[in-house]
Amino acid sequence: MILEEGRCADMSDVSQAVPLVIVLALSGAAAIVALLAFAFWVWMLVDCLMYETDQGNSRLIWALVILFAHFIGAVIYFFAQRARRTGSPRETPPPPPLATP
């Protein structure tokens, strides 16, 4: 293949493009992960502000934790509070026994 100024492309030109492709692919993957983390953070913040009880200022405390600790705060809220409030399967009591007539 002939390039500008009559130069021929050799393997060194192709080998220089491979790191660029790798960097671009990793950058794209990192951008997707960052967008997903941001969406999760917004979801947990909205969930906290809309559904968390205001008993003892827990809504304010959790909102501040999520705001200042960012993704880590959202993960902590997800596992600590949201699971408790929505009744995760491992914390729900067994159903009451059926009454026989």
PDB file of N, CA and C in Angstrom:
ATOM      1  N   MET A   1       0.839  -1.165   0.000  1.00  0.00           N
ATOM      2  CA  MET A   1       0.000   0.000   0.000  1.00  0.00           C
ATOM      3  C   MET A   1       0.887   1.231   0.000  1.00  0.00           C
ATOM      4  N   ILE A   2       0.581   2.173  -0.823  1.00  0.00           N
ATOM      5  CA  ILE A   2       1.403   3.376  -0.934  1.00  0.00           C
ATOM      6  C   ILE A   2       0.724   4.512  -0.177  1.00  0.00           C
ATOM      7  N   LEU A   3       1.490   5.140   0.677  1.00  0.00           N
ATOM      8  CA  LEU A   3       0.992   6.284   1.439  1.00  0.00           C
ATOM      9  C   LEU A   3       1.476   7.568   0.796  1.00  0.00           C
ATOM     10  N   GLU A   4       1.195   8.686   1.419  1.00  0.00           N
ATOM     11  CA  GLU A   4       1.620   9.981   0.872  1.00  0.00           C
ATOM     12  C   GLU A   4       3.134  10.049   0.752  1.00  0.00           C
ATOM     13  N   GLU A   5       3.597  10.810  -0.141  1.00  0.00           N
ATOM     14  CA  GLU A   5       5.014  11.019  -0.441  1.00  0.00           C
ATOM     15  C   GLU A   5       5.700   9.742  -0.897  1.00  0.00           C
ATOM     16  N   GLY A   6       4.960   8.804  -1.452  1.00  0.00           N
ATOM     17  CA  GLY A   6       5.561   7.618  -2.023  1.00  0.00           C
ATOM     18  C   GLY A   6       6.080   6.627  -1.014  1.00  0.00           C
ATOM     19  N   ARG A   7       5.733   6.764   0.250  1.00  0.00           N
ATOM     20  CA  ARG A   7       6.168   5.832   1.280  1.00  0.00           C
ATOM     21  C   ARG A   7       5.305   4.591   1.262  1.00  0.00           C
ATOM     22  N   CYS A   8       5.855   3.452   1.505  1.00  0.00           N
ATOM     23  CA  CYS A   8       5.096   2.210   1.598  1.00  0.00           C
ATOM     24  C   CYS A   8       4.812   1.912   3.066  1.00  0.00           C
ATOM     25  N   ALA A   9       3.604   1.437   3.344  1.00  0.00           N
ATOM     26  CA  ALA A   9       3.246   1.067   4.713  1.00  0.00           C
ATOM     27  C   ALA A   9       3.866  -0.281   5.032  1.00  0.00           C
ATOM     28  N   ASP A  10       4.437  -0.388   6.188  1.00  0.00           N
ATOM     29  CA  ASP A  10       4.977  -1.671   6.617  1.00  0.00           C
ATOM     30  C   ASP A  10       4.325  -2.052   7.948  1.00  0.00           C
ATOM     31  N   MET A  11       4.792  -3.095   8.565  1.00  0.00           N
ATOM     32  CA  MET A  11       4.185  -3.595   9.788  1.00  0.00           C
ATOM     33  C   MET A  11       4.361  -2.639  10.956  1.00  0.00           C
ATOM     34  N   SER A  12       5.351  -1.772  10.932  1.00  0.00           N
ATOM     35  CA  SER A  12       5.536  -0.848  12.044  1.00  0.00           C
ATOM     36  C   SER A  12       4.388   0.148  12.131  1.00  0.00           C
ATOM     37  N   ASP A  13       3.795   0.538  11.004  1.00  0.00           N
ATOM     38  CA  ASP A  13       2.652   1.443  11.029  1.00  0.00           C
ATOM     39  C   ASP A  13       1.433   0.763  11.646  1.00  0.00           C
ATOM     40  N   VAL A  14       1.236  -0.507  11.331  1.00  0.00           N
ATOM     41  CA  VAL A  14       0.101  -1.241  11.879  1.00  0.00           C
ATOM     42  C   VAL A  14       0.306  -1.494  13.367  1.00  0.00           C
ATOM     43  N   SER A  15       1.508  -1.823  13.766  1.00  0.00           N
ATOM     44  CA  SER A  15       1.761  -2.113  15.174  1.00  0.00           C
ATOM     45  C   SER A  15       1.637  -0.863  16.040  1.00  0.00           C
ATOM     46  N   GLN A  16       1.778   0.307  15.468  1.00  0.00           N
ATOM     47  CA  GLN A  16       1.582   1.538  16.231  1.00  0.00           C
ATOM     48  C   GLN A  16       0.098   1.839  16.416  1.00  0.00           C
ATOM     49  N   ALA A  17      -0.747   1.322  15.561  1.00  0.00           N
ATOM     50  CA  ALA A  17      -2.183   1.565  15.668  1.00  0.00           C
ATOM     51  C   ALA A  17      -2.843   0.657  16.698  1.00  0.00           C
ATOM     52  N   VAL A  18      -2.260  -0.491  16.988  1.00  0.00           N
ATOM     53  CA  VAL A  18      -2.861  -1.441  17.918  1.00  0.00           C
ATOM     54  C   VAL A  18      -2.999  -0.848  19.322  1.00  0.00           C
ATOM     55  N   PRO A  19      -1.987  -0.210  19.905  1.00  0.00           N
ATOM     56  CA  PRO A  19      -2.188   0.384  21.234  1.00  0.00           C
ATOM     57  C   PRO A  19      -3.287   1.457  21.243  1.00  0.00           C
ATOM     58  N   LEU A  20      -3.410   2.196  20.155  1.00  0.00           N
ATOM     59  CA  LEU A  20      -4.452   3.209  20.080  1.00  0.00           C
ATOM     60  C   LEU A  20      -5.835   2.567  20.117  1.00  0.00           C
ATOM     61  N   VAL A  21      -5.998   1.469  19.420  1.00  0.00           N
ATOM     62  CA  VAL A  21      -7.278   0.760  19.419  1.00  0.00           C
ATOM     63  C   VAL A  21      -7.592   0.224  20.813  1.00  0.00           C
ATOM     64  N   ILE A  22      -6.589  -0.305  21.486  1.00  0.00           N
ATOM     65  CA  ILE A  22      -6.777  -0.828  22.837  1.00  0.00           C
ATOM     66  C   ILE A  22      -7.167   0.295  23.790  1.00  0.00           C
ATOM     67  N   VAL A  23      -6.493   1.429  23.708  1.00  0.00           N
ATOM     68  CA  VAL A  23      -6.810   2.566  24.568  1.00  0.00           C
ATOM     69  C   VAL A  23      -8.219   3.068  24.302  1.00  0.00           C
ATOM     70  N   LEU A  24      -8.610   3.155  23.047  1.00  0.00           N
ATOM     71  CA  LEU A  24      -9.957   3.609  22.715  1.00  0.00           C
ATOM     72  C   LEU A  24     -11.016   2.630  23.222  1.00  0.00           C
ATOM     73  N   ALA A  25     -10.763   1.338  23.101  1.00  0.00           N
ATOM     74  CA  ALA A  25     -11.714   0.335  23.580  1.00  0.00           C
ATOM     75  C   ALA A  25     -11.855   0.394  25.097  1.00  0.00           C
ATOM     76  N   LEU A  26     -10.744   0.515  25.802  1.00  0.00           N
ATOM     77  CA  LEU A  26     -10.800   0.612  27.260  1.00  0.00           C
ATOM     78  C   LEU A  26     -11.459   1.907  27.709  1.00  0.00           C
ATOM     79  N   SER A  27     -11.233   2.981  26.995  1.00  0.00           N
ATOM     80  CA  SER A  27     -11.878   4.255  27.321  1.00  0.00           C
ATOM     81  C   SER A  27     -13.389   4.160  27.135  1.00  0.00           C
ATOM     82  N   GLY A  28     -13.815   3.509  26.081  1.00  0.00           N
ATOM     83  CA  GLY A  28     -15.248   3.316  25.860  1.00  0.00           C
ATOM     84  C   GLY A  28     -15.879   2.469  26.943  1.00  0.00           C
ATOM     85  N   ALA A  29     -15.197   1.405  27.340  1.00  0.00           N
ATOM     86  CA  ALA A  29     -15.707   0.539  28.405  1.00  0.00           C
ATOM     87  C   ALA A  29     -15.773   1.296  29.729  1.00  0.00           C
ATOM     88  N   ALA A  30     -14.760   2.096  30.020  1.00  0.00           N
ATOM     89  CA  ALA A  30     -14.754   2.887  31.250  1.00  0.00           C
ATOM     90  C   ALA A  30     -15.876   3.922  31.241  1.00  0.00           C
ATOM     91  N   ALA A  31     -16.160   4.502  30.094  1.00  0.00           N
ATOM     92  CA  ALA A  31     -17.248   5.473  29.993  1.00  0.00           C
ATOM     93  C   ALA A  31     -18.598   4.805  30.244  1.00  0.00           C
ATOM     94  N   ILE A  32     -18.787   3.614  29.736  1.00  0.00           N
ATOM     95  CA  ILE A  32     -20.044   2.890  29.962  1.00  0.00           C
ATOM     96  C   ILE A  32     -20.202   2.542  31.441  1.00  0.00           C
ATOM     97  N   VAL A  33     -19.135   2.076  32.078  1.00  0.00           N
ATOM     98  CA  VAL A  33     -19.179   1.749  33.504  1.00  0.00           C
ATOM     99  C   VAL A  33     -19.467   3.011  34.319  1.00  0.00           C
ATOM    100  N   ALA A  34     -18.863   4.128  33.957  1.00  0.00           N
ATOM    101  CA  ALA A  34     -19.097   5.375  34.684  1.00  0.00           C
ATOM    102  C   ALA A  34     -20.544   5.833  34.533  1.00  0.00           C
ATOM    103  N   LEU A  35     -21.115   5.690  33.351  1.00  0.00           N
ATOM    104  CA  LEU A  35     -22.525   6.067  33.154  1.00  0.00           C
ATOM    105  C   LEU A  35     -23.458   5.165  33.956  1.00  0.00           C
ATOM    106  N   LEU A  36     -23.160   3.881  34.001  1.00  0.00           N
ATOM    107  CA  LEU A  36     -23.976   2.971  34.800  1.00  0.00           C
ATOM    108  C   LEU A  36     -23.871   3.282  36.293  1.00  0.00           C
ATOM    109  N   ALA A  37     -22.673   3.605  36.759  1.00  0.00           N
ATOM    110  CA  ALA A  37     -22.491   3.963  38.168  1.00  0.00           C
ATOM    111  C   ALA A  37     -23.237   5.255  38.493  1.00  0.00           C
ATOM    112  N   PHE A  38     -23.211   6.217  37.589  1.00  0.00           N
ATOM    113  CA  PHE A  38     -23.934   7.470  37.808  1.00  0.00           C
ATOM    114  C   PHE A  38     -25.439   7.231  37.833  1.00  0.00           C
ATOM    115  N   ALA A  39     -25.937   6.387  36.934  1.00  0.00           N
ATOM    116  CA  ALA A  39     -27.372   6.077  36.921  1.00  0.00           C
ATOM    117  C   ALA A  39     -27.789   5.375  38.214  1.00  0.00           C
ATOM    118  N   PHE A  40     -26.961   4.461  38.709  1.00  0.00           N
ATOM    119  CA  PHE A  40     -27.246   3.782  39.976  1.00  0.00           C
ATOM    120  C   PHE A  40     -27.260   4.786  41.120  1.00  0.00           C
ATOM    121  N   TRP A  41     -26.313   5.715  41.123  1.00  0.00           N
ATOM    122  CA  TRP A  41     -26.228   6.733  42.168  1.00  0.00           C
ATOM    123  C   TRP A  41     -27.481   7.606  42.177  1.00  0.00           C
ATOM    124  N   VAL A  42     -27.921   8.041  41.008  1.00  0.00           N
ATOM    125  CA  VAL A  42     -29.131   8.863  40.914  1.00  0.00           C
ATOM    126  C   VAL A  42     -30.352   8.060  41.363  1.00  0.00           C
ATOM    127  N   TRP A  43     -30.422   6.791  40.960  1.00  0.00           N
ATOM    128  CA  TRP A  43     -31.544   5.938  41.350  1.00  0.00           C
ATOM    129  C   TRP A  43     -31.625   5.812  42.867  1.00  0.00           C
ATOM    130  N   MET A  44     -30.497   5.581  43.532  1.00  0.00           N
ATOM    131  CA  MET A  44     -30.501   5.426  44.983  1.00  0.00           C
ATOM    132  C   MET A  44     -30.824   6.750  45.681  1.00  0.00           C
ATOM    133  N   LEU A  45     -30.352   7.863  45.139  1.00  0.00           N
ATOM    134  CA  LEU A  45     -30.650   9.165  45.738  1.00  0.00           C
ATOM    135  C   LEU A  45     -32.145   9.475  45.631  1.00  0.00           C
ATOM    136  N   VAL A  46     -32.721   9.237  44.470  1.00  0.00           N
ATOM    137  CA  VAL A  46     -34.156   9.465  44.290  1.00  0.00           C
ATOM    138  C   VAL A  46     -34.956   8.507  45.167  1.00  0.00           C
ATOM    139  N   ASP A  47     -34.551   7.254  45.238  1.00  0.00           N
ATOM    140  CA  ASP A  47     -35.224   6.275  46.085  1.00  0.00           C
ATOM    141  C   ASP A  47     -35.197   6.717  47.541  1.00  0.00           C
ATOM    142  N   CYS A  48     -34.070   7.198  47.989  1.00  0.00           N
ATOM    143  CA  CYS A  48     -33.931   7.657  49.368  1.00  0.00           C
ATOM    144  C   CYS A  48     -34.839   8.855  49.634  1.00  0.00           C
ATOM    145  N   LEU A  49     -34.818   9.822  48.758  1.00  0.00           N
ATOM    146  CA  LEU A  49     -35.593  11.044  48.977  1.00  0.00           C
ATOM    147  C   LEU A  49     -37.095  10.805  48.868  1.00  0.00           C
ATOM    148  N   MET A  50     -37.505   9.844  48.081  1.00  0.00           N
ATOM    149  CA  MET A  50     -38.942   9.625  47.904  1.00  0.00           C
ATOM    150  C   MET A  50     -39.528   8.593  48.866  1.00  0.00           C
ATOM    151  N   TYR A  51     -38.787   7.568  49.215  1.00  0.00           N
ATOM    152  CA  TYR A  51     -39.382   6.457  49.943  1.00  0.00           C
ATOM    153  C   TYR A  51     -38.841   6.240  51.351  1.00  0.00           C
ATOM    154  N   GLU A  52     -37.754   6.846  51.704  1.00  0.00           N
ATOM    155  CA  GLU A  52     -37.189   6.652  53.042  1.00  0.00           C
ATOM    156  C   GLU A  52     -38.048   7.390  54.058  1.00  0.00           C
ATOM    157  N   THR A  53     -38.281   6.762  55.196  1.00  0.00           N
ATOM    158  CA  THR A  53     -39.074   7.415  56.232  1.00  0.00           C
ATOM    159  C   THR A  53     -38.279   8.562  56.834  1.00  0.00           C
ATOM    160  N   ASP A  54     -38.992   9.558  57.320  1.00  0.00           N
ATOM    161  CA  ASP A  54     -38.327  10.723  57.915  1.00  0.00           C
ATOM    162  C   ASP A  54     -38.239  10.601  59.427  1.00  0.00           C
ATOM    163  N   GLN A  55     -38.382   9.407  59.924  1.00  0.00           N
ATOM    164  CA  GLN A  55     -38.333   9.165  61.356  1.00  0.00           C
ATOM    165  C   GLN A  55     -36.906   9.347  61.866  1.00  0.00           C
ATOM    166  N   GLY A  56     -36.720  10.297  62.754  1.00  0.00           N
ATOM    167  CA  GLY A  56     -35.388  10.552  63.309  1.00  0.00           C
ATOM    168  C   GLY A  56     -34.404  11.100  62.297  1.00  0.00           C
ATOM    169  N   ASN A  57     -34.876  11.803  61.303  1.00  0.00           N
ATOM    170  CA  ASN A  57     -34.043  12.404  60.250  1.00  0.00           C
ATOM    171  C   ASN A  57     -33.259  11.376  59.441  1.00  0.00           C
ATOM    172  N   SER A  58     -33.752  10.165  59.344  1.00  0.00           N
ATOM    173  CA  SER A  58     -33.019   9.142  58.597  1.00  0.00           C
ATOM    174  C   SER A  58     -32.937   9.489  57.110  1.00  0.00           C
ATOM    175  N   ARG A  59     -33.977  10.124  56.572  1.00  0.00           N
ATOM    176  CA  ARG A  59     -33.949  10.507  55.160  1.00  0.00           C
ATOM    177  C   ARG A  59     -32.816  11.501  54.904  1.00  0.00           C
ATOM    178  N   LEU A  60     -32.693  12.491  55.773  1.00  0.00           N
ATOM    179  CA  LEU A  60     -31.633  13.500  55.612  1.00  0.00           C
ATOM    180  C   LEU A  60     -30.251  12.871  55.752  1.00  0.00           C
ATOM    181  N   ILE A  61     -30.090  12.022  56.746  1.00  0.00           N
ATOM    182  CA  ILE A  61     -28.786  11.377  56.971  1.00  0.00           C
ATOM    183  C   ILE A  61     -28.400  10.531  55.764  1.00  0.00           C
ATOM    184  N   TRP A  62     -29.329   9.694  55.281  1.00  0.00           N
ATOM    185  CA  TRP A  62     -29.008   8.835  54.139  1.00  0.00           C
ATOM    186  C   TRP A  62     -28.771   9.641  52.872  1.00  0.00           C
ATOM    187  N   ALA A  63     -29.524  10.715  52.681  1.00  0.00           N
ATOM    188  CA  ALA A  63     -29.293  11.564  51.500  1.00  0.00           C
ATOM    189  C   ALA A  63     -27.903  12.182  51.553  1.00  0.00           C
ATOM    190  N   LEU A  64     -27.470  12.623  52.731  1.00  0.00           N
ATOM    191  CA  LEU A  64     -26.123  13.185  52.862  1.00  0.00           C
ATOM    192  C   LEU A  64     -25.049  12.121  52.645  1.00  0.00           C
ATOM    193  N   VAL A  65     -25.289  10.911  53.145  1.00  0.00           N
ATOM    194  CA  VAL A  65     -24.327   9.823  52.924  1.00  0.00           C
ATOM    195  C   VAL A  65     -24.195   9.543  51.429  1.00  0.00           C
ATOM    196  N   ILE A  66     -25.326   9.473  50.735  1.00  0.00           N
ATOM    197  CA  ILE A  66     -25.295   9.191  49.295  1.00  0.00           C
ATOM    198  C   ILE A  66     -24.637  10.348  48.541  1.00  0.00           C
ATOM    199  N   LEU A  67     -24.949  11.580  48.930  1.00  0.00           N
ATOM    200  CA  LEU A  67     -24.372  12.741  48.239  1.00  0.00           C
ATOM    201  C   LEU A  67     -22.857  12.839  48.427  1.00  0.00           C
ATOM    202  N   PHE A  68     -22.394  12.661  49.654  1.00  0.00           N
ATOM    203  CA  PHE A  68     -20.974  12.885  49.924  1.00  0.00           C
ATOM    204  C   PHE A  68     -20.098  11.660  49.668  1.00  0.00           C
ATOM    205  N   ALA A  69     -20.672  10.459  49.741  1.00  0.00           N
ATOM    206  CA  ALA A  69     -19.869   9.257  49.510  1.00  0.00           C
ATOM    207  C   ALA A  69     -20.052   8.725  48.091  1.00  0.00           C
ATOM    208  N   HIS A  70     -20.851   9.388  47.299  1.00  0.00           N
ATOM    209  CA  HIS A  70     -21.088   9.068  45.888  1.00  0.00           C
ATOM    210  C   HIS A  70     -21.467   7.608  45.688  1.00  0.00           C
ATOM    211  N   PHE A  71     -20.753   6.907  44.841  1.00  0.00           N
ATOM    212  CA  PHE A  71     -21.131   5.537  44.483  1.00  0.00           C
ATOM    213  C   PHE A  71     -21.074   4.604  45.690  1.00  0.00           C
ATOM    214  N   ILE A  72     -20.069   4.764  46.541  1.00  0.00           N
ATOM    215  CA  ILE A  72     -19.945   3.908  47.724  1.00  0.00           C
ATOM    216  C   ILE A  72     -21.132   4.133  48.658  1.00  0.00           C
ATOM    217  N   GLY A  73     -21.535   5.387  48.828  1.00  0.00           N
ATOM    218  CA  GLY A  73     -22.700   5.684  49.653  1.00  0.00           C
ATOM    219  C   GLY A  73     -23.968   5.077  49.084  1.00  0.00           C
ATOM    220  N   ALA A  74     -24.110   5.101  47.761  1.00  0.00           N
ATOM    221  CA  ALA A  74     -25.279   4.495  47.123  1.00  0.00           C
ATOM    222  C   ALA A  74     -25.289   2.985  47.322  1.00  0.00           C
ATOM    223  N   VAL A  75     -24.132   2.350  47.238  1.00  0.00           N
ATOM    224  CA  VAL A  75     -24.046   0.901  47.452  1.00  0.00           C
ATOM    225  C   VAL A  75     -24.375   0.562  48.906  1.00  0.00           C
ATOM    226  N   ILE A  76     -23.862   1.355  49.843  1.00  0.00           N
ATOM    227  CA  ILE A  76     -24.163   1.120  51.254  1.00  0.00           C
ATOM    228  C   ILE A  76     -25.659   1.268  51.502  1.00  0.00           C
ATOM    229  N   TYR A  77     -26.263   2.314  50.942  1.00  0.00           N
ATOM    230  CA  TYR A  77     -27.709   2.509  51.099  1.00  0.00           C
ATOM    231  C   TYR A  77     -28.484   1.337  50.487  1.00  0.00           C
ATOM    232  N   PHE A  78     -28.058   0.886  49.324  1.00  0.00           N
ATOM    233  CA  PHE A  78     -28.756  -0.203  48.647  1.00  0.00           C
ATOM    234  C   PHE A  78     -28.787  -1.453  49.522  1.00  0.00           C
ATOM    235  N   PHE A  79     -27.649  -1.824  50.108  1.00  0.00           N
ATOM    236  CA  PHE A  79     -27.594  -3.053  50.888  1.00  0.00           C
ATOM    237  C   PHE A  79     -28.094  -2.880  52.318  1.00  0.00           C
ATOM    238  N   ALA A  80     -27.934  -1.699  52.905  1.00  0.00           N
ATOM    239  CA  ALA A  80     -28.304  -1.512  54.301  1.00  0.00           C
ATOM    240  C   ALA A  80     -29.768  -1.119  54.462  1.00  0.00           C
ATOM    241  N   GLN A  81     -30.204  -0.101  53.782  1.00  0.00           N
ATOM    242  CA  GLN A  81     -31.535   0.439  54.011  1.00  0.00           C
ATOM    243  C   GLN A  81     -32.572  -0.058  53.031  1.00  0.00           C
ATOM    244  N   ARG A  82     -32.274  -0.002  51.770  1.00  0.00           N
ATOM    245  CA  ARG A  82     -33.291  -0.345  50.780  1.00  0.00           C
ATOM    246  C   ARG A  82     -33.712  -1.799  50.911  1.00  0.00           C
ATOM    247  N   ALA A  83     -32.761  -2.673  51.157  1.00  0.00           N
ATOM    248  CA  ALA A  83     -33.099  -4.091  51.320  1.00  0.00           C
ATOM    249  C   ALA A  83     -33.982  -4.289  52.549  1.00  0.00           C
ATOM    250  N   ARG A  84     -33.704  -3.552  53.608  1.00  0.00           N
ATOM    251  CA  ARG A  84     -34.511  -3.671  54.825  1.00  0.00           C
ATOM    252  C   ARG A  84     -35.913  -3.121  54.596  1.00  0.00           C
ATOM    253  N   ARG A  85     -35.996  -1.991  53.916  1.00  0.00           N
ATOM    254  CA  ARG A  85     -37.281  -1.340  53.710  1.00  0.00           C
ATOM    255  C   ARG A  85     -38.169  -2.117  52.742  1.00  0.00           C
ATOM    256  N   THR A  86     -37.593  -2.673  51.698  1.00  0.00           N
ATOM    257  CA  THR A  86     -38.388  -3.405  50.722  1.00  0.00           C
ATOM    258  C   THR A  86     -38.622  -4.849  51.137  1.00  0.00           C
ATOM    259  N   GLY A  87     -37.989  -5.292  52.207  1.00  0.00           N
ATOM    260  CA  GLY A  87     -38.198  -6.654  52.690  1.00  0.00           C
ATOM    261  C   GLY A  87     -37.477  -7.685  51.857  1.00  0.00           C
ATOM    262  N   SER A  88     -36.159  -7.704  51.960  1.00  0.00           N
ATOM    263  CA  SER A  88     -35.392  -8.688  51.204  1.00  0.00           C
ATOM    264  C   SER A  88     -35.752 -10.092  51.683  1.00  0.00           C
ATOM    265  N   PRO A  89     -35.622 -11.081  50.837  1.00  0.00           N
ATOM    266  CA  PRO A  89     -36.057 -12.441  51.183  1.00  0.00           C
ATOM    267  C   PRO A  89     -35.417 -13.014  52.432  1.00  0.00           C
ATOM    268  N   ARG A  90     -34.184 -12.672  52.729  1.00  0.00           N
ATOM    269  CA  ARG A  90     -33.533 -13.290  53.879  1.00  0.00           C
ATOM    270  C   ARG A  90     -33.972 -12.666  55.204  1.00  0.00           C
ATOM    271  N   GLU A  91     -34.642 -11.511  55.152  1.00  0.00           N
ATOM    272  CA  GLU A  91     -35.049 -10.849  56.378  1.00  0.00           C
ATOM    273  C   GLU A  91     -36.546 -10.934  56.635  1.00  0.00           C
ATOM    274  N   THR A  92     -37.320 -11.468  55.734  1.00  0.00           N
ATOM    275  CA  THR A  92     -38.752 -11.542  55.940  1.00  0.00           C
ATOM    276  C   THR A  92     -39.074 -12.725  56.836  1.00  0.00           C
ATOM    277  N   PRO A  93     -40.024 -12.539  57.754  1.00  0.00           N
ATOM    278  CA  PRO A  93     -40.385 -13.659  58.635  1.00  0.00           C
ATOM    279  C   PRO A  93     -41.173 -14.700  57.853  1.00  0.00           C
ATOM    280  N   PRO A  94     -41.198 -15.926  58.331  1.00  0.00           N
ATOM    281  CA  PRO A  94     -41.957 -16.960  57.638  1.00  0.00           C
ATOM    282  C   PRO A  94     -43.448 -16.634  57.695  1.00  0.00           C
ATOM    283  N   PRO A  95     -44.219 -17.116  56.746  1.00  0.00           N
ATOM    284  CA  PRO A  95     -45.657 -16.836  56.757  1.00  0.00           C
ATOM    285  C   PRO A  95     -46.330 -17.514  57.941  1.00  0.00           C
ATOM    286  N   PRO A  96     -47.419 -16.922  58.405  1.00  0.00           N
ATOM    287  CA  PRO A  96     -48.101 -17.550  59.556  1.00  0.00           C
ATOM    288  C   PRO A  96     -48.742 -18.884  59.137  1.00  0.00           C
ATOM    289  N   PRO A  97     -48.902 -19.779  60.078  1.00  0.00           N
ATOM    290  CA  PRO A  97     -49.504 -21.077  59.731  1.00  0.00           C
ATOM    291  C   PRO A  97     -50.957 -20.896  59.299  1.00  0.00           C
ATOM    292  N   LEU A  98     -51.392 -21.771  58.430  1.00  0.00           N
ATOM    293  CA  LEU A  98     -52.764 -21.709  57.947  1.00  0.00           C
ATOM    294  C   LEU A  98     -53.724 -22.196  59.033  1.00  0.00           C
ATOM    295  N   ALA A  99     -54.824 -21.469  59.152  1.00  0.00           N
ATOM    296  CA  ALA A  99     -55.815 -21.875  60.125  1.00  0.00           C
ATOM    297  C   ALA A  99     -56.677 -22.991  59.542  1.00  0.00           C
ATOM    298  N   THR A 100     -56.908 -24.034  60.312  1.00  0.00           N
ATOM    299  CA  THR A 100     -57.749 -25.134  59.826  1.00  0.00           C
ATOM    300  C   THR A 100     -59.164 -24.916  60.344  1.00  0.00           C
ATOM    301  N   PRO A 101     -60.151 -25.109  59.490  1.00  0.00           N
ATOM    302  CA  PRO A 101     -61.549 -24.892  59.939  1.00  0.00           C
ATOM    303  C   PRO A 101     -62.071 -25.958  60.856  1.00  0.00           C
TER     304      PRO A 101
END
